[in-house]
């Protein structure tokens, strides 16, 4: 059961979430999609209204966790504001590439004006993306990363930087002088964001007194991550730190408590969720960066409409990463990171 403080936070948050979010400080990659991570801070102002009732189709991996629920909320809220139609398809998990391919094909057959795509696999939908582009229809890469030259724009933080931010925090705040043993759960193998997070995390730990002794890839459903955490602790009961996805961190907290290891083993997430928020507040999770997914979703809708209306927009941008720990968890604005309390998935808007 949530604490009274947590419930109060979520009540206040649900009010803050509807507040004006634009203009927004963003990171803009110049040139777009560069692999050297060259970006600069700029201010972005969202559209007030679409010029017509554009039909936007969205395909995302799933709605099984709070991260994608925040995305759902951001998509819906900005589509409502702009007065455009929005249809959201959720594949059901990172092992459902065939389902997502079918859903994207349905978007194309259904005469969508633009596609917003949170891809299950970075290069798993390139042929369908090319079909959209051949018809002059924009494809916006939302959060996960798409390895295609045919996309029109990208609204996503670099998960290399998310992984690096989490590792940098561990080096600065958890290193004790002796070598710490780390269990690492980066997410689904083949997902571009998870592989980027893995690279950033490993690079930041190179030469530091934290050693990854076990790595477990897997879907970000809670059951899958709970099983991976349990298996990892069976093999390595002497771990000092469990780090990984928000769901990995959520799963680790009760498992460590069950094994009476919660006082010794630290937990770190490399992205944010309501469970991670509560874990940080209660002391079970030390920290997490947030790529503010609700804002990335709003930006994706805005960019899709700008592309359709031939208005200028940064081809590659991201809401700026926030680092949340016990020192600032009660002070930082989290309205771009979490859906309001009580929000349930919505699959169409203005239809």
Protein backbone atom coordinates (compact mmCIF):
# COMPACT_ATOMS: atom_id res chain seq x y z
CA UNK A 1 0.00 0.00 0.00
CA UNK A 2 1.28 3.46 -0.83
CA UNK A 3 2.27 5.73 2.01
CA UNK A 4 0.25 8.88 2.69
CA UNK A 5 3.17 10.96 1.40
CA UNK A 6 3.29 8.97 -1.84
CA UNK A 7 -0.46 9.35 -2.39
CA UNK A 8 -0.23 13.07 -1.74
CA UNK A 9 2.59 13.34 -4.26
CA UNK A 10 0.62 11.49 -6.91
CA UNK A 11 -2.45 13.67 -6.29
CA UNK A 12 -0.39 16.82 -6.71
CA UNK A 13 1.36 15.30 -9.70
CA UNK A 14 -1.93 14.55 -11.47
CA UNK A 15 -2.70 18.26 -11.32
CA UNK A 16 0.80 19.30 -12.41
CA UNK A 17 0.75 16.91 -15.36
CA UNK A 18 -1.90 18.96 -17.12
CA UNK A 19 0.09 22.17 -16.73
CA UNK A 20 1.64 23.95 -19.69
CA UNK A 21 4.74 22.02 -20.78
CA UNK A 22 5.83 24.23 -23.69
CA UNK A 23 8.15 26.03 -24.32
CA UNK A 24 10.55 23.29 -23.29
CA UNK A 25 14.32 23.07 -23.03
CA UNK A 26 15.45 20.26 -25.34
CA UNK A 27 18.66 18.74 -26.63
CA UNK A 28 18.96 19.02 -30.42
CA UNK A 29 21.37 16.75 -32.31
CA UNK A 30 23.38 18.57 -34.98
CA UNK A 31 23.62 17.08 -37.52
CA UNK A 32 20.51 14.94 -36.95
CA UNK A 33 21.09 11.30 -36.01
CA UNK A 34 24.83 11.79 -35.54
CA UNK A 35 26.50 8.92 -33.70
CA UNK A 36 29.01 11.13 -31.87
CA UNK A 37 26.23 12.38 -29.56
CA UNK A 38 26.75 15.99 -30.58
CA UNK A 39 23.79 17.96 -29.30
CA UNK A 40 23.10 21.37 -27.84
CA UNK A 41 20.44 22.84 -25.57
CA UNK A 42 17.69 24.80 -27.32
CA UNK A 43 14.17 25.97 -26.55
CA UNK A 44 11.26 24.31 -28.37
CA UNK A 45 7.73 25.72 -28.59
CA UNK A 46 4.93 23.31 -29.44
CA UNK A 47 2.10 23.98 -31.87
CA UNK A 48 -1.19 25.32 -30.54
CA UNK A 49 -3.37 23.48 -33.07
CA UNK A 50 -3.13 21.33 -36.15
CA UNK A 51 -4.27 22.87 -39.44
CA UNK A 52 -6.56 19.86 -40.01
CA UNK A 53 -7.64 16.64 -38.34
CA UNK A 54 -4.57 14.63 -39.30
CA UNK A 55 -4.68 10.86 -38.76
CA UNK A 56 -1.67 9.73 -36.71
CA UNK A 57 -1.00 6.05 -36.09
CA UNK A 58 1.22 4.97 -33.19
CA UNK A 59 2.85 1.58 -32.63
CA UNK A 60 4.59 0.89 -29.30
CA UNK A 61 6.02 -2.31 -27.76
CA UNK A 62 3.50 -2.74 -24.94
CA UNK A 63 1.57 -1.09 -22.11
CA UNK A 64 2.71 -3.52 -19.39
CA UNK A 65 4.64 -0.99 -17.33
CA UNK A 66 4.36 2.58 -16.15
CA UNK A 67 7.01 3.84 -18.58
CA UNK A 68 4.85 3.17 -21.62
CA UNK A 69 1.76 4.28 -19.73
CA UNK A 70 3.45 7.70 -19.38
CA UNK A 71 4.08 7.61 -23.14
CA UNK A 72 0.42 6.76 -23.73
CA UNK A 73 -0.64 9.71 -21.59
CA UNK A 74 1.68 12.15 -23.35
CA UNK A 75 0.56 11.04 -26.82
CA UNK A 76 -3.11 11.34 -25.94
CA UNK A 77 -2.87 14.71 -24.21
CA UNK A 78 -1.05 16.45 -27.05
CA UNK A 79 -3.23 14.88 -29.75
CA UNK A 80 -6.27 16.24 -27.90
CA UNK A 81 -4.72 19.70 -27.74
CA UNK A 82 -3.84 19.75 -31.45
CA UNK A 83 -7.20 18.33 -32.52
CA UNK A 84 -5.69 15.44 -34.50
CA UNK A 85 -6.81 11.82 -34.66
CA UNK A 86 -4.61 9.31 -32.89
CA UNK A 87 -4.72 5.52 -32.86
CA UNK A 88 -2.37 3.59 -30.56
CA UNK A 89 -1.34 -0.03 -31.12
CA UNK A 90 0.54 -1.97 -28.41
CA UNK A 91 2.21 -5.21 -29.51
CA UNK A 92 2.23 -6.87 -26.09
CA UNK A 93 5.95 -7.22 -25.42
CA UNK A 94 9.46 -7.10 -26.84
CA UNK A 95 9.10 -10.68 -28.07
CA UNK A 96 6.21 -9.66 -30.33
CA UNK A 97 7.99 -8.19 -33.35
CA UNK A 98 5.64 -10.10 -35.68
CA UNK A 99 2.66 -8.48 -33.97
CA UNK A 100 4.16 -5.01 -34.25
CA UNK A 101 4.91 -5.56 -37.93
CA UNK A 102 1.27 -6.49 -38.50
CA UNK A 103 0.11 -3.43 -36.56
CA UNK A 104 2.35 -1.10 -38.59
CA UNK A 105 1.05 -2.71 -41.78
CA UNK A 106 -2.48 -1.97 -40.54
CA UNK A 107 -1.48 1.67 -39.98
CA UNK A 108 -0.38 1.84 -43.60
CA UNK A 109 -3.49 0.08 -44.92
CA UNK A 110 -5.69 2.31 -42.78
CA UNK A 111 -4.52 5.45 -44.58
CA UNK A 112 -2.66 6.96 -41.65
CA UNK A 113 -1.09 10.32 -42.52
CA UNK A 114 1.95 9.66 -40.32
CA UNK A 115 3.46 6.91 -38.19
CA UNK A 116 4.92 7.34 -34.70
CA UNK A 117 6.95 4.24 -33.92
CA UNK A 118 8.42 2.94 -30.67
CA UNK A 119 10.18 0.06 -32.38
CA UNK A 120 10.59 -3.34 -30.74
CA UNK A 121 13.75 -3.90 -32.78
CA UNK A 122 15.95 -1.20 -34.30
CA UNK A 123 16.03 -2.70 -37.77
CA UNK A 124 13.00 -4.99 -37.62
CA UNK A 125 10.54 -2.74 -39.46
CA UNK A 126 12.71 -1.06 -42.08
CA UNK A 127 10.80 -2.43 -45.05
CA UNK A 128 7.51 -1.09 -43.68
CA UNK A 129 9.11 2.26 -42.85
CA UNK A 130 10.28 2.49 -46.46
CA UNK A 131 6.71 1.92 -47.65
CA UNK A 132 5.51 4.85 -45.53
CA UNK A 133 8.33 7.06 -46.79
CA UNK A 134 7.64 6.07 -50.41
CA UNK A 135 4.14 7.50 -50.01
CA UNK A 136 5.53 10.74 -48.61
CA UNK A 137 4.24 9.97 -45.11
CA UNK A 138 6.38 10.97 -42.11
CA UNK A 139 7.75 8.33 -39.75
CA UNK A 140 8.77 9.58 -36.31
CA UNK A 141 11.11 7.44 -34.21
CA UNK A 142 9.79 7.55 -30.64
CA UNK A 143 12.24 6.72 -27.83
CA UNK A 144 13.48 3.26 -28.83
CA UNK A 145 15.74 4.01 -31.80
CA UNK A 146 15.29 3.00 -35.44
CA UNK A 147 18.19 2.08 -37.70
CA UNK A 148 16.72 3.43 -40.94
CA UNK A 149 17.60 6.37 -43.16
CA UNK A 150 13.92 6.81 -44.05
CA UNK A 151 12.67 8.26 -40.78
CA UNK A 152 11.54 11.90 -40.81
CA UNK A 153 12.40 12.67 -37.20
CA UNK A 154 13.33 11.28 -33.81
CA UNK A 155 12.22 12.31 -30.32
CA UNK A 156 14.33 10.28 -27.94
CA UNK A 157 16.99 10.59 -25.34
CA UNK A 158 20.12 8.63 -26.10
CA UNK A 159 19.94 5.56 -23.88
CA UNK A 160 23.71 5.36 -24.05
CA UNK A 161 23.63 8.56 -21.99
CA UNK A 162 20.96 7.10 -19.69
CA UNK A 163 23.11 4.05 -18.99
CA UNK A 164 26.15 6.26 -18.54
CA UNK A 165 24.29 8.58 -16.15
CA UNK A 166 23.32 5.63 -13.93
CA UNK A 167 26.86 4.23 -13.93
CA UNK A 168 28.40 7.65 -13.25
CA UNK A 169 26.10 7.98 -10.24
CA UNK A 170 27.21 4.58 -8.95
CA UNK A 171 30.89 5.45 -9.36
CA UNK A 172 30.48 8.78 -7.59
CA UNK A 173 28.13 7.74 -4.79
CA UNK A 174 28.47 4.00 -4.18
CA UNK A 175 32.14 3.17 -4.74
CA UNK A 176 33.72 2.37 -1.37
CA UNK A 177 37.34 1.72 -2.30
CA UNK A 178 36.96 -2.04 -2.71
CA UNK A 179 35.74 -3.56 -5.96
CA UNK A 180 31.94 -3.81 -6.03
CA UNK A 181 30.21 -6.71 -7.78
CA UNK A 182 27.41 -5.63 -10.10
CA UNK A 183 24.51 -7.61 -11.54
CA UNK A 184 23.32 -5.89 -14.72
CA UNK A 185 19.90 -6.25 -16.39
CA UNK A 186 19.83 -3.94 -19.44
CA UNK A 187 16.49 -5.06 -20.96
CA UNK A 188 15.45 -6.93 -24.11
CA UNK A 189 18.24 -8.17 -26.38
CA UNK A 190 17.92 -6.60 -29.83
CA UNK A 191 16.05 -3.50 -28.64
CA UNK A 192 18.14 -0.51 -29.75
CA UNK A 193 17.55 1.41 -26.51
CA UNK A 194 18.62 -1.51 -24.31
CA UNK A 195 21.78 -2.15 -26.31
CA UNK A 196 22.63 1.57 -26.20
CA UNK A 197 22.04 1.63 -22.43
CA UNK A 198 24.29 -1.40 -22.05
CA UNK A 199 27.10 0.31 -23.98
CA UNK A 200 26.83 3.51 -21.95
CA UNK A 201 26.74 1.68 -18.62
CA UNK A 202 29.74 -0.50 -19.47
CA UNK A 203 31.79 2.38 -20.85
CA UNK A 204 31.25 4.46 -17.71
CA UNK A 205 32.37 1.55 -15.48
CA UNK A 206 35.50 0.75 -17.49
CA UNK A 207 38.54 1.06 -15.22
CA UNK A 208 36.37 1.87 -12.18
CA UNK A 209 36.05 -0.18 -8.96
CA UNK A 210 32.70 -1.67 -10.04
CA UNK A 211 32.75 -4.96 -11.96
CA UNK A 212 29.82 -6.48 -13.85
CA UNK A 213 29.87 -10.15 -12.84
CA UNK A 214 26.58 -11.17 -14.46
CA UNK A 215 24.38 -9.78 -17.26
CA UNK A 216 20.79 -10.89 -17.89
CA UNK A 217 18.81 -9.73 -20.92
CA UNK A 218 15.03 -10.07 -21.05
CA UNK A 219 11.58 -8.60 -21.62
CA UNK A 220 10.56 -5.76 -19.32
CA UNK A 221 7.48 -7.48 -17.95
CA UNK A 222 7.59 -7.75 -14.15
CA UNK A 223 7.34 -11.55 -14.14
CA UNK A 224 10.25 -11.90 -16.57
CA UNK A 225 12.47 -9.49 -14.65
CA UNK A 226 11.60 -11.06 -11.28
CA UNK A 227 12.73 -14.43 -12.58
CA UNK A 228 15.98 -12.96 -13.92
CA UNK A 229 16.74 -11.20 -10.63
CA UNK A 230 16.09 -14.37 -8.62
CA UNK A 231 18.31 -16.44 -10.91
CA UNK A 232 21.07 -13.84 -10.72
CA UNK A 233 20.98 -13.79 -6.91
CA UNK A 234 21.01 -17.58 -6.79
CA UNK A 235 24.22 -17.55 -8.82
CA UNK A 236 25.77 -14.50 -7.13
CA UNK A 237 24.54 -14.03 -3.54
CA UNK A 238 27.55 -11.79 -2.90
CA UNK A 239 26.44 -9.02 -5.29
CA UNK A 240 26.89 -5.46 -4.06
CA UNK A 241 24.68 -3.75 -6.64
CA UNK A 242 21.79 -4.73 -8.90
CA UNK A 243 21.40 -2.26 -11.78
CA UNK A 244 19.09 -2.33 -14.76
CA UNK A 245 15.73 -1.33 -16.13
CA UNK A 246 13.03 0.27 -13.99
CA UNK A 247 11.23 -3.08 -13.89
CA UNK A 248 14.46 -4.84 -12.88
CA UNK A 249 14.79 -2.43 -9.97
CA UNK A 250 11.13 -2.88 -9.03
CA UNK A 251 11.61 -6.66 -9.04
CA UNK A 252 14.86 -6.51 -7.07
CA UNK A 253 13.48 -4.65 -4.05
CA UNK A 254 11.11 -7.37 -2.73
CA UNK A 255 13.48 -10.19 -3.77
CA UNK A 256 16.33 -8.67 -1.77
CA UNK A 257 14.02 -8.13 1.17
CA UNK A 258 12.87 -11.76 0.99
CA UNK A 259 16.48 -12.92 1.07
CA UNK A 260 17.35 -10.42 3.82
CA UNK A 261 19.93 -8.79 1.55
CA UNK A 262 18.24 -5.40 1.27
CA UNK A 263 20.52 -3.72 3.80
CA UNK A 264 23.68 -4.72 1.92
CA UNK A 265 22.80 -4.87 -1.79
CA UNK A 266 22.00 -1.56 -3.48
CA UNK A 267 19.55 -1.16 -6.36
CA UNK A 268 19.96 1.29 -9.24
CA UNK A 269 17.69 1.89 -12.25
CA UNK A 270 18.72 3.49 -15.53
CA UNK A 271 15.28 4.90 -16.21
CA UNK A 272 12.32 6.02 -14.15
CA UNK A 273 8.84 4.77 -13.19
CA UNK A 274 6.32 5.17 -10.33
CA UNK A 275 7.75 2.03 -8.67
CA UNK A 276 11.23 3.51 -8.93
CA UNK A 277 9.93 6.80 -7.49
CA UNK A 278 8.49 4.96 -4.47
CA UNK A 279 11.67 2.90 -4.16
CA UNK A 280 13.83 6.02 -4.06
CA UNK A 281 11.50 7.68 -1.59
CA UNK A 282 11.56 4.64 0.71
CA UNK A 283 15.28 3.99 0.36
CA UNK A 284 15.09 0.69 -1.52
CA UNK A 285 16.42 2.19 -4.78
CA UNK A 286 19.28 4.67 -4.74
CA UNK A 287 18.71 6.65 -7.95
CA UNK A 288 17.55 6.73 -11.56
CA UNK A 289 17.86 9.06 -14.54
CA UNK A 290 14.61 9.86 -16.34
CA UNK A 291 14.31 10.50 -20.07
CA UNK A 292 10.88 12.05 -19.30
CA UNK A 293 8.95 9.75 -21.67
CA UNK A 294 5.71 11.71 -21.43
CA UNK A 295 7.47 14.73 -22.90
CA UNK A 296 9.18 12.64 -25.59
CA UNK A 297 5.70 11.44 -26.60
CA UNK A 298 4.30 14.98 -26.76
CA UNK A 299 7.27 16.03 -28.88
CA UNK A 300 6.67 13.10 -31.26
CA UNK A 301 3.07 14.13 -31.87
CA UNK A 302 4.12 17.75 -32.39
CA UNK A 303 6.90 16.81 -34.81
CA UNK A 304 4.59 14.51 -36.79
CA UNK A 305 2.10 17.33 -37.29
CA UNK A 306 4.86 19.81 -38.18
CA UNK A 307 6.19 17.36 -40.77
CA UNK A 308 2.72 16.95 -42.29
CA UNK A 309 2.19 20.72 -42.42
CA UNK A 310 5.66 21.37 -43.87
CA UNK A 311 6.63 23.47 -40.87
CA UNK A 312 10.23 23.52 -39.62
CA UNK A 313 11.24 21.24 -36.76
CA UNK A 314 14.44 19.76 -35.30
CA UNK A 315 14.78 16.35 -36.91
CA UNK A 316 16.43 14.85 -33.86
CA UNK A 317 15.71 16.12 -30.37
CA UNK A 318 15.04 15.02 -26.85
CA UNK A 319 13.61 16.40 -23.65
CA UNK A 320 16.55 16.75 -21.29
CA UNK A 321 17.50 13.89 -18.95
CA UNK A 322 16.74 14.32 -15.23
CA UNK A 323 18.68 12.48 -12.48
CA UNK A 324 16.50 11.62 -9.47
CA UNK A 325 17.78 10.43 -6.08
CA UNK A 326 16.85 10.79 -2.41
CA UNK A 327 18.17 14.35 -2.32
CA UNK A 328 15.81 15.78 -4.94
CA UNK A 329 12.96 13.26 -5.27
CA UNK A 330 10.55 15.50 -3.37
CA UNK A 331 11.58 18.67 -5.20
CA UNK A 332 11.93 17.85 -8.91
CA UNK A 333 9.01 18.20 -11.36
CA UNK A 334 8.12 14.66 -12.44
CA UNK A 335 5.05 15.51 -14.53
CA UNK A 336 6.86 14.52 -17.74
CA UNK A 337 8.00 11.19 -16.33
CA UNK A 338 4.81 9.65 -14.93
CA UNK A 339 1.17 9.40 -15.93
CA UNK A 340 -1.27 10.79 -13.36
CA UNK A 341 -2.68 8.53 -10.67
CA UNK A 342 -5.63 6.53 -11.98
CA UNK A 343 -4.78 6.98 -15.66
CA UNK A 344 -5.71 3.96 -17.77
CA UNK A 345 -4.56 3.19 -21.33
CA UNK A 346 -6.35 5.08 -24.10
CA UNK A 347 -6.10 3.73 -27.63
CA UNK A 348 -7.78 6.41 -29.76
CA UNK A 349 -8.35 10.15 -29.66
CA UNK A 350 -10.66 12.48 -31.63
CA UNK A 351 -12.01 9.67 -33.82
